C-alpha atoms as a PDB file:
ATOM      1  CA  MET A   1       0.000   0.000   0.000  1.00  0.00           C
ATOM      2  CA  SER A   2       1.372   3.454  -0.796  1.00  0.00           C
ATOM      3  CA  GLU A   3       0.191   6.846   0.365  1.00  0.00           C
ATOM      4  CA  ALA A   4      -0.547   9.080  -2.613  1.00  0.00           C
ATOM      5  CA  GLY A   5      -0.817  12.274  -0.573  1.00  0.00           C
ATOM      6  CA  ARG A   6      -3.483  14.770   0.408  1.00  0.00           C
ATOM      7  CA  HIS A   7      -6.147  15.336  -2.212  1.00  0.00           C
ATOM      8  CA  ARG A   8      -7.029  19.014  -2.166  1.00  0.00           C
ATOM      9  CA  ARG A   9      -8.950  19.406  -5.412  1.00  0.00           C
ATOM     10  CA  ARG A  10     -11.727  17.112  -6.504  1.00  0.00           C
ATOM     11  CA  GLU A  11     -11.191  16.219 -10.153  1.00  0.00           C
ATOM     12  CA  PRO A  12     -14.297  15.759 -12.263  1.00  0.00           C
ATOM     13  CA  ALA A  13     -14.871  12.058 -12.803  1.00  0.00           C
ATOM     14  CA  SER A  14     -14.718  10.695 -16.296  1.00  0.00           C
ATOM     15  CA  GLY A  15     -16.123   7.291 -17.023  1.00  0.00           C
ATOM     16  CA  GLY A  16     -13.945   4.334 -17.829  1.00  0.00           C
ATOM     17  CA  ALA A  17     -14.043   2.499 -21.122  1.00  0.00           C
ATOM     18  CA  LYS A  18     -13.549  -1.175 -21.862  1.00  0.00           C
ATOM     19  CA  SER A  19     -10.625  -2.010 -24.118  1.00  0.00           C
ATOM     20  CA  PRO A  20     -10.934  -4.714 -26.791  1.00  0.00           C
ATOM     21  CA  ARG A  21      -9.303  -7.273 -24.462  1.00  0.00           C
ATOM     22  CA  GLY A  22     -11.801  -6.523 -21.688  1.00  0.00           C
ATOM     23  CA  SER A  23      -9.489  -4.712 -19.272  1.00  0.00           C
ATOM     24  CA  LEU A  24     -10.826  -1.563 -17.669  1.00  0.00           C
ATOM     25  CA  VAL A  25      -9.220   1.766 -18.504  1.00  0.00           C
ATOM     26  CA  ALA A  26     -10.196   4.756 -16.347  1.00  0.00           C
ATOM     27  CA  THR A  27      -8.893   7.992 -14.924  1.00  0.00           C
ATOM     28  CA  ARG A  28      -5.830   7.908 -12.672  1.00  0.00           C
ATOM     29  CA  ASP A  29      -8.111   8.832  -9.764  1.00  0.00           C
ATOM     30  CA  ALA A  30     -10.439   5.915 -10.311  1.00  0.00           C
ATOM     31  CA  ILE A  31      -9.389   2.397 -11.301  1.00  0.00           C
ATOM     32  CA  ALA A  32      -6.549   0.856 -13.314  1.00  0.00           C
ATOM     33  CA  ARG A  33      -6.470  -2.838 -14.155  1.00  0.00           C
ATOM     34  CA  SER A  34      -3.497  -4.857 -15.346  1.00  0.00           C
ATOM     35  CA  PRO A  35      -3.607  -8.565 -16.268  1.00  0.00           C
ATOM     36  CA  ASN A  36      -2.286  -9.644 -12.838  1.00  0.00           C
ATOM     37  CA  ASN A  37      -3.337  -6.944 -10.390  1.00  0.00           C
ATOM     38  CA  PHE A  38      -6.193  -4.573  -9.756  1.00  0.00           C
ATOM     39  CA  PHE A  39      -5.363  -1.145  -8.398  1.00  0.00           C
ATOM     40  CA  ALA A  40      -7.835   1.369  -7.095  1.00  0.00           C
ATOM     41  CA  VAL A  41      -7.609   4.657  -5.312  1.00  0.00           C
ATOM     42  CA  ARG A  42      -9.234   4.213  -1.926  1.00  0.00           C
ATOM     43  CA  ILE A  43     -10.320   7.330  -0.110  1.00  0.00           C
ATOM     44  CA  ARG A  44      -9.962   7.355   3.654  1.00  0.00           C
ATOM     45  CA  LEU A  45     -12.024   9.785   5.712  1.00  0.00           C
ATOM     46  CA  SER A  46     -10.108  11.342   8.579  1.00  0.00           C
ATOM     47  CA  GLU A  47     -12.614  14.099   9.295  1.00  0.00           C
ATOM     48  CA  LEU A  48     -15.993  15.036   7.858  1.00  0.00           C
ATOM     49  CA  ALA A  49     -15.765  18.639   6.718  1.00  0.00           C
ATOM     50  CA  GLY A  50     -14.225  19.953   3.529  1.00  0.00           C
ATOM     51  CA  TYR A  51     -12.023  18.038   1.106  1.00  0.00           C
ATOM     52  CA  GLU A  52      -8.893  18.354   3.189  1.00  0.00           C
ATOM     53  CA  ILE A  53     -10.438  15.255   4.798  1.00  0.00           C
ATOM     54  CA  LEU A  54      -9.366  13.045   1.934  1.00  0.00           C
ATOM     55  CA  SER A  55      -6.209  11.049   1.698  1.00  0.00           C
ATOM     56  CA  MET A  56      -5.687   8.722  -1.227  1.00  0.00           C
ATOM     57  CA  ILE A  57      -4.457   5.193  -0.612  1.00  0.00           C
ATOM     58  CA  VAL A  58      -3.335   3.128  -3.591  1.00  0.00           C
ATOM     59  CA  GLU A  59      -3.445  -0.603  -2.979  1.00  0.00           C
ATOM     60  CA  ALA A  60      -4.106  -3.851  -4.779  1.00  0.00           C
ATOM     61  CA  VAL A  61      -7.769  -4.810  -4.474  1.00  0.00           C
ATOM     62  CA  PRO A  62      -9.634  -7.929  -5.576  1.00  0.00           C
ATOM     63  CA  GLU A  63     -11.724  -7.633  -8.728  1.00  0.00           C
ATOM     64  CA  ASN A  64     -14.987  -8.011  -6.787  1.00  0.00           C
ATOM     65  CA  GLU A  65     -14.268  -4.805  -4.834  1.00  0.00           C
ATOM     66  CA  ILE A  66     -14.094  -2.521  -7.871  1.00  0.00           C
ATOM     67  CA  ASP A  67     -17.028  -0.102  -7.998  1.00  0.00           C
ATOM     68  CA  GLN A  68     -18.084   1.790 -11.103  1.00  0.00           C
ATOM     69  CA  ALA A  69     -20.126   4.787 -12.175  1.00  0.00           C
ATOM     70  CA  ALA A  70     -21.060   5.636 -15.752  1.00  0.00           C
ATOM     71  CA  SER A  71     -23.186   8.232 -17.488  1.00  0.00           C
ATOM     72  CA  THR A  72     -26.467   7.242 -19.131  1.00  0.00           C
ATOM     73  CA  ASP A  73     -28.446   8.604 -22.073  1.00  0.00           C
ATOM     74  CA  THR A  74     -30.197  10.961 -19.624  1.00  0.00           C
ATOM     75  CA  PHE A  75     -28.111  14.028 -18.782  1.00  0.00           C
ATOM     76  CA  GLY A  76     -27.149  14.061 -15.109  1.00  0.00           C
ATOM     77  CA  ARG A  77     -28.194  10.452 -14.484  1.00  0.00           C
ATOM     78  CA  VAL A  78     -25.468   7.989 -13.446  1.00  0.00           C
ATOM     79  CA  MET A  79     -25.646   4.206 -13.287  1.00  0.00           C
ATOM     80  CA  CYS A  80     -23.536   2.935 -10.407  1.00  0.00           C
ATOM     81  CA  SER A  81     -22.383  -0.584  -9.621  1.00  0.00           C
ATOM     82  CA  ALA A  82     -20.874  -1.981  -6.441  1.00  0.00           C
ATOM     83  CA  ARG A  83     -20.153  -5.711  -6.637  1.00  0.00           C
ATOM     84  CA  ASN A  84     -23.398  -7.154  -8.047  1.00  0.00           C
ATOM     85  CA  HIS A  85     -25.626  -4.256  -6.900  1.00  0.00           C
ATOM     86  CA  HIS A  86     -26.718  -1.603  -9.389  1.00  0.00           C
ATOM     87  CA  PHE A  87     -28.421   1.711  -8.665  1.00  0.00           C
ATOM     88  CA  VAL A  88     -29.151   5.092 -10.197  1.00  0.00           C
ATOM     89  CA  VAL A  89     -27.809   8.417  -8.923  1.00  0.00           C
ATOM     90  CA  ASP A  90     -29.178  11.722 -10.246  1.00  0.00           C
ATOM     91  CA  GLY A  91     -27.615  15.116 -10.074  1.00  0.00           C
ATOM     92  CA  PRO A  92     -29.775  17.861  -8.525  1.00  0.00           C
ATOM     93  CA  VAL A  93     -32.430  19.733 -10.497  1.00  0.00           C
ATOM     94  CA  GLN A  94     -30.590  23.062 -10.038  1.00  0.00           C
ATOM     95  CA  ASN A  95     -27.773  21.570 -12.175  1.00  0.00           C
ATOM     96  CA  GLY A  96     -30.238  20.697 -14.946  1.00  0.00           C
ATOM     97  CA  CYS A  97     -30.304  17.033 -13.883  1.00  0.00           C
ATOM     98  CA  PRO A  98     -33.390  14.847 -13.286  1.00  0.00           C
ATOM     99  CA  GLY A  99     -33.209  14.992  -9.479  1.00  0.00           C
ATOM    100  CA  GLU A 100     -35.490  11.944  -9.150  1.00  0.00           C
ATOM    101  CA  ALA A 101     -33.062   9.397  -7.671  1.00  0.00           C
ATOM    102  CA  ILE A 102     -30.727   9.827  -4.716  1.00  0.00           C
ATOM    103  CA  ASN A 103     -28.134  12.534  -5.423  1.00  0.00           C
ATOM    104  CA  PRO A 104     -24.362  12.264  -4.848  1.00  0.00           C
ATOM    105  CA  ALA A 105     -24.437  14.278  -1.591  1.00  0.00           C
ATOM    106  CA  GLU A 106     -27.243  12.107  -0.176  1.00  0.00           C
ATOM    107  CA  LEU A 107     -25.399   8.971  -1.241  1.00  0.00           C
ATOM    108  CA  PHE A 108     -22.212  10.183   0.451  1.00  0.00           C
ATOM    109  CA  LEU A 109     -24.037  11.010   3.691  1.00  0.00           C
ATOM    110  CA  SER A 110     -25.922   7.687   3.635  1.00  0.00           C
ATOM    111  CA  GLY A 111     -22.637   5.837   3.174  1.00  0.00           C
ATOM    112  CA  VAL A 112     -21.052   7.624   6.135  1.00  0.00           C
ATOM    113  CA  ALA A 113     -24.116   6.910   8.319  1.00  0.00           C
ATOM    114  CA  ALA A 114     -24.163   3.231   7.278  1.00  0.00           C
ATOM    115  CA  CYS A 115     -20.461   2.977   8.083  1.00  0.00           C
ATOM    116  CA  GLY A 116     -21.173   4.443  11.540  1.00  0.00           C
ATOM    117  CA  VAL A 117     -23.924   1.907  12.251  1.00  0.00           C
ATOM    118  CA  GLU A 118     -21.868  -1.073  11.072  1.00  0.00           C
ATOM    119  CA  LEU A 119     -18.654  -0.005  12.804  1.00  0.00           C
ATOM    120  CA  VAL A 120     -20.338   0.643  16.166  1.00  0.00           C
ATOM    121  CA  GLN A 121     -22.001  -2.787  15.910  1.00  0.00           C
ATOM    122  CA  VAL A 122     -18.581  -4.380  15.330  1.00  0.00           C
ATOM    123  CA  LEU A 123     -17.052  -2.403  18.199  1.00  0.00           C
ATOM    124  CA  ALA A 124     -19.906  -3.376  20.553  1.00  0.00           C
ATOM    125  CA  LYS A 125     -19.459  -7.036  19.668  1.00  0.00           C
ATOM    126  CA  SER A 126     -15.691  -6.915  20.198  1.00  0.00           C
ATOM    127  CA  GLU A 127     -16.154  -5.120  23.549  1.00  0.00           C
ATOM    128  CA  GLY A 128     -18.918  -7.488  24.694  1.00  0.00           C
ATOM    129  CA  VAL A 129     -21.422  -4.623  24.948  1.00  0.00           C
ATOM    130  CA  PRO A 130     -25.091  -5.712  24.581  1.00  0.00           C
ATOM    131  CA  LEU A 131     -26.064  -3.312  21.792  1.00  0.00           C
ATOM    132  CA  ASN A 132     -29.613  -4.263  20.724  1.00  0.00           C
ATOM    133  CA  ARG A 133     -30.184  -1.565  18.108  1.00  0.00           C
ATOM    134  CA  ILE A 134     -28.396   1.445  16.663  1.00  0.00           C
ATOM    135  CA  GLY A 135     -29.454   4.265  14.364  1.00  0.00           C
ATOM    136  CA  VAL A 136     -27.533   7.216  13.005  1.00  0.00           C
ATOM    137  CA  ASP A 137     -29.025  10.506  11.868  1.00  0.00           C
ATOM    138  CA  ILE A 138     -26.688  12.489   9.649  1.00  0.00           C
ATOM    139  CA  GLN A 139     -26.939  16.076   8.478  1.00  0.00           C
ATOM    140  CA  GLY A 140     -24.624  17.757   6.011  1.00  0.00           C
ATOM    141  CA  THR A 141     -24.667  21.526   5.670  1.00  0.00           C
ATOM    142  CA  ILE A 142     -23.518  23.421   2.609  1.00  0.00           C
ATOM    143  CA  ASP A 143     -23.532  27.149   3.306  1.00  0.00           C
ATOM    144  CA  ARG A 144     -23.062  28.807  -0.081  1.00  0.00           C
ATOM    145  CA  SER A 145     -22.504  32.180   1.627  1.00  0.00           C
ATOM    146  CA  ARG A 146     -19.457  30.729   3.445  1.00  0.00           C
ATOM    147  CA  PRO A 147     -17.899  28.215   1.027  1.00  0.00           C
ATOM    148  CA  VAL A 148     -15.089  25.985   2.255  1.00  0.00           C
ATOM    149  CA  ARG A 149     -13.512  26.557  -1.168  1.00  0.00           C
ATOM    150  CA  PRO A 150     -14.788  28.919  -3.856  1.00  0.00           C
ATOM    151  CA  ASP A 151     -14.243  26.508  -6.763  1.00  0.00           C
ATOM    152  CA  VAL A 152     -16.308  23.484  -5.591  1.00  0.00           C
ATOM    153  CA  SER A 153     -19.340  22.709  -3.429  1.00  0.00           C
ATOM    154  CA  LEU A 154     -18.289  21.122  -0.141  1.00  0.00           C
ATOM    155  CA  PHE A 155     -20.000  20.442   3.158  1.00  0.00           C
ATOM    156  CA  ASN A 156     -19.259  23.144   5.723  1.00  0.00           C
ATOM    157  CA  SER A 157     -20.168  20.646   8.412  1.00  0.00           C
ATOM    158  CA  VAL A 158     -21.407  17.095   8.838  1.00  0.00           C
ATOM    159  CA  ARG A 159     -23.080  16.071  12.084  1.00  0.00           C
ATOM    160  CA  LEU A 160     -23.842  12.538  13.228  1.00  0.00           C
ATOM    161  CA  ARG A 161     -26.322  11.684  15.977  1.00  0.00           C
ATOM    162  CA  PHE A 162     -26.171   8.130  17.307  1.00  0.00           C
ATOM    163  CA  ARG A 163     -29.160   6.422  18.948  1.00  0.00           C
ATOM    164  CA  MET A 164     -28.411   3.162  20.777  1.00  0.00           C
ATOM    165  CA  LYS A 165     -30.639   0.708  22.643  1.00  0.00           C
ATOM    166  CA  GLY A 166     -29.533  -1.901  25.168  1.00  0.00           C
ATOM    167  CA  VAL A 167     -26.491   0.001  26.422  1.00  0.00           C
ATOM    168  CA  SER A 168     -25.884   2.256  29.397  1.00  0.00           C
ATOM    169  CA  GLY A 169     -24.854   5.878  28.893  1.00  0.00           C
ATOM    170  CA  GLU A 170     -21.291   4.961  29.844  1.00  0.00           C
ATOM    171  CA  GLN A 171     -21.196   2.028  27.394  1.00  0.00           C
ATOM    172  CA  GLY A 172     -22.639   4.199  24.624  1.00  0.00           C
ATOM    173  CA  GLN A 173     -20.030   6.882  25.233  1.00  0.00           C
ATOM    174  CA  ARG A 174     -17.261   4.248  25.185  1.00  0.00           C
ATOM    175  CA  LEU A 175     -18.513   2.968  21.825  1.00  0.00           C
ATOM    176  CA  LEU A 176     -18.587   6.501  20.410  1.00  0.00           C
ATOM    177  CA  ASP A 177     -15.066   7.166  21.693  1.00  0.00           C
ATOM    178  CA  LEU A 178     -13.862   3.975  20.009  1.00  0.00           C
ATOM    179  CA  PHE A 179     -15.696   4.968  16.814  1.00  0.00           C
ATOM    180  CA  LYS A 180     -14.059   8.419  16.802  1.00  0.00           C
ATOM    181  CA  GLY A 181     -10.654   6.819  17.340  1.00  0.00           C
ATOM    182  CA  ARG A 182     -10.907   4.713  14.191  1.00  0.00           C
END
């Protein structure tokens, strides 16, 4: 695994294309496939506000972990694939996109919330804490009057609210502390 450095500017994604031999060719920020190895840029979240949060990790990944996104015949509509799951993502109406399906910001926030639920469940199990149920509410705020950067839309803040059942206040706080330390 090699550290590729801090990613300060989000490059616009361009879709990959299949070569005649079936290997995947994509942007340097997405996925590159050679006959023997698969390489992908993994993005690790260290904080949840602004794009200074991103650090790119380049590592070999199995073929079944490669996710894809590609444009469709409808402007602003993207077909995404993760393993054998396929779903549609729409850009927002204010960008001239359909705005009918989940948008990229909602998908990002949902992914972070799902990660929080799953990770706290794993932590509770490893700590022997009797967590019966967990939910996470997540809210991302984009304040266009106070942009994090003038050239791209970024969240000014992201807030997570955890709800846990079956644990004491002390156990819940311990799980959150462990979560924050990851």
